[in-house]
PDB file of N, CA and C in Angstrom:
ATOM      1  N   MET A   1       9.803  11.605   4.779  1.00  0.00           N
ATOM      2  CA  MET A   1       8.684  10.682   4.871  1.00  0.00           C
ATOM      3  C   MET A   1       9.085   9.409   5.614  1.00  0.00           C
ATOM      4  N   TYR A   2      10.341   8.988   5.437  1.00  0.00           N
ATOM      5  CA  TYR A   2      10.773   7.743   6.069  1.00  0.00           C
ATOM      6  C   TYR A   2      10.535   7.768   7.581  1.00  0.00           C
ATOM      7  N   GLU A   3      10.916   8.870   8.219  1.00  0.00           N
ATOM      8  CA  GLU A   3      10.804   8.955   9.676  1.00  0.00           C
ATOM      9  C   GLU A   3       9.351   8.843  10.140  1.00  0.00           C
ATOM     10  N   LYS A   4       8.442   9.453   9.380  1.00  0.00           N
ATOM     11  CA  LYS A   4       7.025   9.406   9.763  1.00  0.00           C
ATOM     12  C   LYS A   4       6.462   7.994   9.618  1.00  0.00           C
ATOM     13  N   VAL A   5       6.802   7.336   8.512  1.00  0.00           N
ATOM     14  CA  VAL A   5       6.333   5.957   8.307  1.00  0.00           C
ATOM     15  C   VAL A   5       6.991   5.037   9.329  1.00  0.00           C
ATOM     16  N   GLU A   6       8.259   5.276   9.607  1.00  0.00           N
ATOM     17  CA  GLU A   6       8.959   4.467  10.615  1.00  0.00           C
ATOM     18  C   GLU A   6       8.267   4.567  11.974  1.00  0.00           C
ATOM     19  N   LYS A   7       7.867   5.761  12.352  1.00  0.00           N
ATOM     20  CA  LYS A   7       7.177   5.918  13.639  1.00  0.00           C
ATOM     21  C   LYS A   7       5.865   5.143  13.649  1.00  0.00           C
ATOM     22  N   ILE A   8       5.100   5.236  12.564  1.00  0.00           N
ATOM     23  CA  ILE A   8       3.825   4.509  12.486  1.00  0.00           C
ATOM     24  C   ILE A   8       4.060   3.006  12.599  1.00  0.00           C
ATOM     25  N   ILE A   9       5.013   2.495  11.844  1.00  0.00           N
ATOM     26  CA  ILE A   9       5.274   1.045  11.843  1.00  0.00           C
ATOM     27  C   ILE A   9       5.858   0.600  13.176  1.00  0.00           C
ATOM     28  N   ASN A  10       6.798   1.357  13.720  1.00  0.00           N
ATOM     29  CA  ASN A  10       7.398   0.966  15.001  1.00  0.00           C
ATOM     30  C   ASN A  10       6.377   1.029  16.137  1.00  0.00           C
ATOM     31  N   ASP A  11       5.494   2.012  16.113  1.00  0.00           N
ATOM     32  CA  ASP A  11       4.435   2.083  17.130  1.00  0.00           C
ATOM     33  C   ASP A  11       3.477   0.905  16.990  1.00  0.00           C
ATOM     34  N   TRP A  12       3.214   0.512  15.753  1.00  0.00           N
ATOM     35  CA  TRP A  12       2.337  -0.634  15.477  1.00  0.00           C
ATOM     36  C   TRP A  12       3.006  -1.928  15.936  1.00  0.00           C
ATOM     37  N   ASP A  13       4.263  -2.104  15.568  1.00  0.00           N
ATOM     38  CA  ASP A  13       5.080  -3.254  15.980  1.00  0.00           C
ATOM     39  C   ASP A  13       4.340  -4.587  15.798  1.00  0.00           C
ATOM     40  N   PRO A  14       4.023  -4.955  14.550  1.00  0.00           N
ATOM     41  CA  PRO A  14       3.188  -6.133  14.308  1.00  0.00           C
ATOM     42  C   PRO A  14       3.802  -7.466  14.726  1.00  0.00           C
ATOM     43  N   ILE A  15       5.093  -7.497  14.908  1.00  0.00           N
ATOM     44  CA  ILE A  15       5.763  -8.738  15.308  1.00  0.00           C
ATOM     45  C   ILE A  15       6.090  -8.709  16.800  1.00  0.00           C
ATOM     46  N   GLU A  16       5.781  -7.585  17.430  1.00  0.00           N
ATOM     47  CA  GLU A  16       6.037  -7.379  18.864  1.00  0.00           C
ATOM     48  C   GLU A  16       7.510  -7.619  19.220  1.00  0.00           C
ATOM     49  N   LEU A  17       8.370  -6.883  18.517  1.00  0.00           N
ATOM     50  CA  LEU A  17       9.817  -6.999  18.729  1.00  0.00           C
ATOM     51  C   LEU A  17      10.371  -5.968  19.700  1.00  0.00           C
ATOM     52  N   PHE A  18       9.637  -4.898  19.907  1.00  0.00           N
ATOM     53  CA  PHE A  18      10.148  -3.824  20.767  1.00  0.00           C
ATOM     54  C   PHE A  18       9.721  -4.049  22.202  1.00  0.00           C
ATOM     55  N   PRO A  19      10.518  -3.636  23.161  1.00  0.00           N
ATOM     56  CA  PRO A  19      11.688  -2.765  23.081  1.00  0.00           C
ATOM     57  C   PRO A  19      13.011  -3.498  22.847  1.00  0.00           C
ATOM     58  N   LEU A  20      12.983  -4.792  22.607  1.00  0.00           N
ATOM     59  CA  LEU A  20      14.227  -5.553  22.490  1.00  0.00           C
ATOM     60  C   LEU A  20      14.966  -5.337  21.169  1.00  0.00           C
ATOM     61  N   ALA A  21      14.254  -5.077  20.115  1.00  0.00           N
ATOM     62  CA  ALA A  21      14.880  -4.935  18.795  1.00  0.00           C
ATOM     63  C   ALA A  21      15.404  -3.525  18.584  1.00  0.00           C
ATOM     64  N   PRO A  22      16.377  -3.372  17.678  1.00  0.00           N
ATOM     65  CA  PRO A  22      16.860  -2.022  17.342  1.00  0.00           C
ATOM     66  C   PRO A  22      15.773  -1.237  16.613  1.00  0.00           C
ATOM     67  N   LYS A  23      15.866   0.084  16.684  1.00  0.00           N
ATOM     68  CA  LYS A  23      14.856   0.972  16.099  1.00  0.00           C
ATOM     69  C   LYS A  23      14.666   0.731  14.597  1.00  0.00           C
ATOM     70  N   ASP A  24      15.714   0.273  13.919  1.00  0.00           N
ATOM     71  CA  ASP A  24      15.629   0.078  12.468  1.00  0.00           C
ATOM     72  C   ASP A  24      15.245  -1.344  12.070  1.00  0.00           C
ATOM     73  N   GLU A  25      14.689  -2.095  12.992  1.00  0.00           N
ATOM     74  CA  GLU A  25      14.337  -3.501  12.741  1.00  0.00           C
ATOM     75  C   GLU A  25      13.426  -3.669  11.517  1.00  0.00           C
ATOM     76  N   TYR A  26      12.520  -2.745  11.315  1.00  0.00           N
ATOM     77  CA  TYR A  26      11.571  -2.850  10.208  1.00  0.00           C
ATOM     78  C   TYR A  26      11.981  -1.999   9.002  1.00  0.00           C
ATOM     79  N   SER A  27      13.236  -1.605   8.893  1.00  0.00           N
ATOM     80  CA  SER A  27      13.647  -0.670   7.836  1.00  0.00           C
ATOM     81  C   SER A  27      13.381  -1.205   6.432  1.00  0.00           C
ATOM     82  N   GLN A  28      13.624  -2.473   6.193  1.00  0.00           N
ATOM     83  CA  GLN A  28      13.370  -3.024   4.852  1.00  0.00           C
ATOM     84  C   GLN A  28      11.879  -2.966   4.515  1.00  0.00           C
ATOM     85  N   GLU A  29      11.054  -3.312   5.481  1.00  0.00           N
ATOM     86  CA  GLU A  29       9.617  -3.283   5.260  1.00  0.00           C
ATOM     87  C   GLU A  29       9.118  -1.854   5.054  1.00  0.00           C
ATOM     88  N   ILE A  30       9.658  -0.927   5.826  1.00  0.00           N
ATOM     89  CA  ILE A  30       9.284   0.490   5.696  1.00  0.00           C
ATOM     90  C   ILE A  30       9.641   1.001   4.302  1.00  0.00           C
ATOM     91  N   ASN A  31      10.823   0.670   3.820  1.00  0.00           N
ATOM     92  CA  ASN A  31      11.230   1.099   2.480  1.00  0.00           C
ATOM     93  C   ASN A  31      10.307   0.534   1.408  1.00  0.00           C
ATOM     94  N   LYS A  32       9.870  -0.707   1.571  1.00  0.00           N
ATOM     95  CA  LYS A  32       8.951  -1.317   0.609  1.00  0.00           C
ATOM     96  C   LYS A  32       7.588  -0.617   0.642  1.00  0.00           C
ATOM     97  N   ILE A  33       7.116  -0.296   1.826  1.00  0.00           N
ATOM     98  CA  ILE A  33       5.828   0.407   1.963  1.00  0.00           C
ATOM     99  C   ILE A  33       5.906   1.778   1.302  1.00  0.00           C
ATOM    100  N   ILE A  34       6.979   2.505   1.562  1.00  0.00           N
ATOM    101  CA  ILE A  34       7.159   3.829   0.957  1.00  0.00           C
ATOM    102  C   ILE A  34       7.203   3.714  -0.561  1.00  0.00           C
ATOM    103  N   SER A  35       7.873   2.694  -1.075  1.00  0.00           N
ATOM    104  CA  SER A  35       7.935   2.490  -2.532  1.00  0.00           C
ATOM    105  C   SER A  35       6.549   2.272  -3.120  1.00  0.00           C
ATOM    106  N   ILE A  36       5.736   1.461  -2.447  1.00  0.00           N
ATOM    107  CA  ILE A  36       4.369   1.223  -2.931  1.00  0.00           C
ATOM    108  C   ILE A  36       3.601   2.539  -3.014  1.00  0.00           C
ATOM    109  N   VAL A  37       3.698   3.351  -1.973  1.00  0.00           N
ATOM    110  CA  VAL A  37       2.956   4.616  -1.933  1.00  0.00           C
ATOM    111  C   VAL A  37       3.472   5.577  -3.010  1.00  0.00           C
ATOM    112  N   GLN A  38       4.786   5.655  -3.158  1.00  0.00           N
ATOM    113  CA  GLN A  38       5.346   6.585  -4.134  1.00  0.00           C
ATOM    114  C   GLN A  38       5.058   6.145  -5.571  1.00  0.00           C
ATOM    115  N   GLU A  39       5.051   4.845  -5.814  1.00  0.00           N
ATOM    116  CA  GLU A  39       4.794   4.342  -7.166  1.00  0.00           C
ATOM    117  C   GLU A  39       3.306   4.369  -7.522  1.00  0.00           C
ATOM    118  N   ASN A  40       2.458   4.467  -6.521  1.00  0.00           N
ATOM    119  CA  ASN A  40       1.001   4.464  -6.729  1.00  0.00           C
ATOM    120  C   ASN A  40       0.375   5.627  -5.964  1.00  0.00           C
ATOM    121  N   PRO A  41       0.529   6.854  -6.444  1.00  0.00           N
ATOM    122  CA  PRO A  41       0.078   8.021  -5.687  1.00  0.00           C
ATOM    123  C   PRO A  41      -1.420   8.030  -5.366  1.00  0.00           C
ATOM    124  N   ASN A  42      -2.228   7.309  -6.133  1.00  0.00           N
ATOM    125  CA  ASN A  42      -3.669   7.272  -5.884  1.00  0.00           C
ATOM    126  C   ASN A  42      -4.097   5.950  -5.250  1.00  0.00           C
ATOM    127  N   ILE A  43      -3.177   5.299  -4.563  1.00  0.00           N
ATOM    128  CA  ILE A  43      -3.474   3.977  -3.990  1.00  0.00           C
ATOM    129  C   ILE A  43      -4.607   4.066  -2.975  1.00  0.00           C
ATOM    130  N   ASP A  44      -5.437   3.071  -3.012  1.00  0.00           N
ATOM    131  CA  ASP A  44      -6.575   2.998  -2.101  1.00  0.00           C
ATOM    132  C   ASP A  44      -6.122   2.332  -0.788  1.00  0.00           C
ATOM    133  N   MET A  45      -6.774   2.701   0.289  1.00  0.00           N
ATOM    134  CA  MET A  45      -6.383   2.211   1.623  1.00  0.00           C
ATOM    135  C   MET A  45      -6.382   0.689   1.695  1.00  0.00           C
ATOM    136  N   ASN A  46      -7.387   0.041   1.120  1.00  0.00           N
ATOM    137  CA  ASN A  46      -7.469  -1.419   1.194  1.00  0.00           C
ATOM    138  C   ASN A  46      -6.332  -2.088   0.435  1.00  0.00           C
ATOM    139  N   VAL A  47      -5.973  -1.530  -0.700  1.00  0.00           N
ATOM    140  CA  VAL A  47      -4.869  -2.078  -1.491  1.00  0.00           C
ATOM    141  C   VAL A  47      -3.556  -1.919  -0.729  1.00  0.00           C
ATOM    142  N   LEU A  48      -3.360  -0.751  -0.137  1.00  0.00           N
ATOM    143  CA  LEU A  48      -2.145  -0.537   0.656  1.00  0.00           C
ATOM    144  C   LEU A  48      -2.121  -1.472   1.862  1.00  0.00           C
ATOM    145  N   ALA A  49      -3.246  -1.646   2.527  1.00  0.00           N
ATOM    146  CA  ALA A  49      -3.307  -2.543   3.689  1.00  0.00           C
ATOM    147  C   ALA A  49      -2.906  -3.965   3.296  1.00  0.00           C
ATOM    148  N   LYS A  50      -3.410  -4.438   2.159  1.00  0.00           N
ATOM    149  CA  LYS A  50      -3.046  -5.779   1.688  1.00  0.00           C
ATOM    150  C   LYS A  50      -1.555  -5.852   1.358  1.00  0.00           C
ATOM    151  N   GLY A  51      -1.034  -4.776   0.781  1.00  0.00           N
ATOM    152  CA  GLY A  51       0.393  -4.726   0.475  1.00  0.00           C
ATOM    153  C   GLY A  51       1.242  -4.769   1.733  1.00  0.00           C
ATOM    154  N   ILE A  52       0.829  -4.037   2.751  1.00  0.00           N
ATOM    155  CA  ILE A  52       1.551  -4.031   4.033  1.00  0.00           C
ATOM    156  C   ILE A  52       1.546  -5.432   4.629  1.00  0.00           C
ATOM    157  N   ARG A  53       0.401  -6.069   4.643  1.00  0.00           N
ATOM    158  CA  ARG A  53       0.318  -7.427   5.192  1.00  0.00           C
ATOM    159  C   ARG A  53       1.237  -8.376   4.429  1.00  0.00           C
ATOM    160  N   LYS A  54       1.228  -8.295   3.094  1.00  0.00           N
ATOM    161  CA  LYS A  54       2.077  -9.168   2.285  1.00  0.00           C
ATOM    162  C   LYS A  54       3.552  -8.922   2.572  1.00  0.00           C
ATOM    163  N   ILE A  55       3.938  -7.673   2.703  1.00  0.00           N
ATOM    164  CA  ILE A  55       5.334  -7.346   2.998  1.00  0.00           C
ATOM    165  C   ILE A  55       5.768  -8.011   4.308  1.00  0.00           C
ATOM    166  N   PHE A  56       4.953  -7.909   5.341  1.00  0.00           N
ATOM    167  CA  PHE A  56       5.324  -8.481   6.632  1.00  0.00           C
ATOM    168  C   PHE A  56       5.265 -10.009   6.623  1.00  0.00           C
ATOM    169  N   ILE A  57       4.323 -10.582   5.891  1.00  0.00           N
ATOM    170  CA  ILE A  57       4.274 -12.049   5.783  1.00  0.00           C
ATOM    171  C   ILE A  57       5.512 -12.547   5.034  1.00  0.00           C
ATOM    172  N   ASP A  58       5.870 -11.859   3.956  1.00  0.00           N
ATOM    173  CA  ASP A  58       7.064 -12.253   3.201  1.00  0.00           C
ATOM    174  C   ASP A  58       8.328 -12.164   4.051  1.00  0.00           C
ATOM    175  N   SER A  59       8.387 -11.184   4.928  1.00  0.00           N
ATOM    176  CA  SER A  59       9.578 -10.986   5.757  1.00  0.00           C
ATOM    177  C   SER A  59       9.634 -11.904   6.970  1.00  0.00           C
ATOM    178  N   PHE A  60       8.495 -12.112   7.617  1.00  0.00           N
ATOM    179  CA  PHE A  60       8.506 -12.790   8.918  1.00  0.00           C
ATOM    180  C   PHE A  60       7.680 -14.077   8.967  1.00  0.00           C
ATOM    181  N   GLY A  61       6.839 -14.303   7.980  1.00  0.00           N
ATOM    182  CA  GLY A  61       5.961 -15.468   7.995  1.00  0.00           C
ATOM    183  C   GLY A  61       4.642 -15.144   8.674  1.00  0.00           C
ATOM    184  N   GLU A  62       3.593 -15.771   8.211  1.00  0.00           N
ATOM    185  CA  GLU A  62       2.249 -15.464   8.705  1.00  0.00           C
ATOM    186  C   GLU A  62       2.080 -15.779  10.185  1.00  0.00           C
ATOM    187  N   ASN A  63       2.763 -16.785  10.675  1.00  0.00           N
ATOM    188  CA  ASN A  63       2.607 -17.196  12.073  1.00  0.00           C
ATOM    189  C   ASN A  63       3.207 -16.207  13.064  1.00  0.00           C
ATOM    190  N   LEU A  64       4.066 -15.316  12.595  1.00  0.00           N
ATOM    191  CA  LEU A  64       4.721 -14.371  13.505  1.00  0.00           C
ATOM    192  C   LEU A  64       4.026 -13.018  13.580  1.00  0.00           C
ATOM    193  N   ILE A  65       3.038 -12.795  12.747  1.00  0.00           N
ATOM    194  CA  ILE A  65       2.353 -11.498  12.772  1.00  0.00           C
ATOM    195  C   ILE A  65       1.238 -11.558  13.803  1.00  0.00           C
ATOM    196  N   PHE A  66       1.395 -10.760  14.847  1.00  0.00           N
ATOM    197  CA  PHE A  66       0.471 -10.800  15.971  1.00  0.00           C
ATOM    198  C   PHE A  66      -0.651  -9.784  15.869  1.00  0.00           C
ATOM    199  N   LYS A  67      -0.503  -8.814  14.994  1.00  0.00           N
ATOM    200  CA  LYS A  67      -1.515  -7.768  14.874  1.00  0.00           C
ATOM    201  C   LYS A  67      -2.133  -7.832  13.493  1.00  0.00           C
ATOM    202  N   ASN A  68      -3.415  -7.558  13.428  1.00  0.00           N
ATOM    203  CA  ASN A  68      -4.163  -7.766  12.210  1.00  0.00           C
ATOM    204  C   ASN A  68      -4.961  -6.510  11.849  1.00  0.00           C
ATOM    205  N   ASN A  69      -4.348  -5.351  12.010  1.00  0.00           N
ATOM    206  CA  ASN A  69      -5.064  -4.092  11.766  1.00  0.00           C
ATOM    207  C   ASN A  69      -4.337  -3.229  10.736  1.00  0.00           C
ATOM    208  N   GLU A  70      -3.991  -3.851   9.624  1.00  0.00           N
ATOM    209  CA  GLU A  70      -3.274  -3.136   8.568  1.00  0.00           C
ATOM    210  C   GLU A  70      -4.076  -1.974   7.999  1.00  0.00           C
ATOM    211  N   ASP A  71      -5.413  -2.079   8.041  1.00  0.00           N
ATOM    212  CA  ASP A  71      -6.244  -0.981   7.529  1.00  0.00           C
ATOM    213  C   ASP A  71      -5.959   0.320   8.271  1.00  0.00           C
ATOM    214  N   GLU A  72      -5.864   0.243   9.587  1.00  0.00           N
ATOM    215  CA  GLU A  72      -5.568   1.436  10.389  1.00  0.00           C
ATOM    216  C   GLU A  72      -4.200   2.002  10.028  1.00  0.00           C
ATOM    217  N   ILE A  73      -3.238   1.123   9.818  1.00  0.00           N
ATOM    218  CA  ILE A  73      -1.875   1.551   9.500  1.00  0.00           C
ATOM    219  C   ILE A  73      -1.845   2.196   8.115  1.00  0.00           C
ATOM    220  N   ALA A  74      -2.511   1.576   7.149  1.00  0.00           N
ATOM    221  CA  ALA A  74      -2.576   2.141   5.800  1.00  0.00           C
ATOM    222  C   ALA A  74      -3.215   3.520   5.826  1.00  0.00           C
ATOM    223  N   GLU A  75      -4.289   3.666   6.604  1.00  0.00           N
ATOM    224  CA  GLU A  75      -4.969   4.957   6.701  1.00  0.00           C
ATOM    225  C   GLU A  75      -4.026   6.028   7.272  1.00  0.00           C
ATOM    226  N   LYS A  76      -3.284   5.670   8.312  1.00  0.00           N
ATOM    227  CA  LYS A  76      -2.320   6.634   8.901  1.00  0.00           C
ATOM    228  C   LYS A  76      -1.249   7.026   7.894  1.00  0.00           C
ATOM    229  N   ILE A  77      -0.745   6.049   7.142  1.00  0.00           N
ATOM    230  CA  ILE A  77       0.317   6.342   6.166  1.00  0.00           C
ATOM    231  C   ILE A  77      -0.219   7.223   5.048  1.00  0.00           C
ATOM    232  N   LEU A  78      -1.417   6.935   4.580  1.00  0.00           N
ATOM    233  CA  LEU A  78      -1.992   7.742   3.490  1.00  0.00           C
ATOM    234  C   LEU A  78      -2.343   9.141   3.952  1.00  0.00           C
ATOM    235  N   ALA A  79      -2.509   9.343   5.240  1.00  0.00           N
ATOM    236  CA  ALA A  79      -2.828  10.676   5.776  1.00  0.00           C
ATOM    237  C   ALA A  79      -1.583  11.564   5.875  1.00  0.00           C
ATOM    238  N   LEU A  80      -0.404  10.991   5.677  1.00  0.00           N
ATOM    239  CA  LEU A  80       0.834  11.797   5.809  1.00  0.00           C
ATOM    240  C   LEU A  80       0.943  12.813   4.685  1.00  0.00           C
TER     241      LEU A  80
END
């Protein structure tokens, strides 16, 4: 599952770090997202989207997040 979520997050690249950053730049955030999904098997897309946004704000700060489409990302992750 990690590789699939990693691809979704890296393709999304909410901080616009690629191609300069290493492929594992978002590994901590990816692990947190996977934990949320595994701990809450019936999680709703909106709740996951809010969780994803909070994870990235906690890691990078609100001013550094350039993309605001967590709903799409949550939907892709829940479809895995």
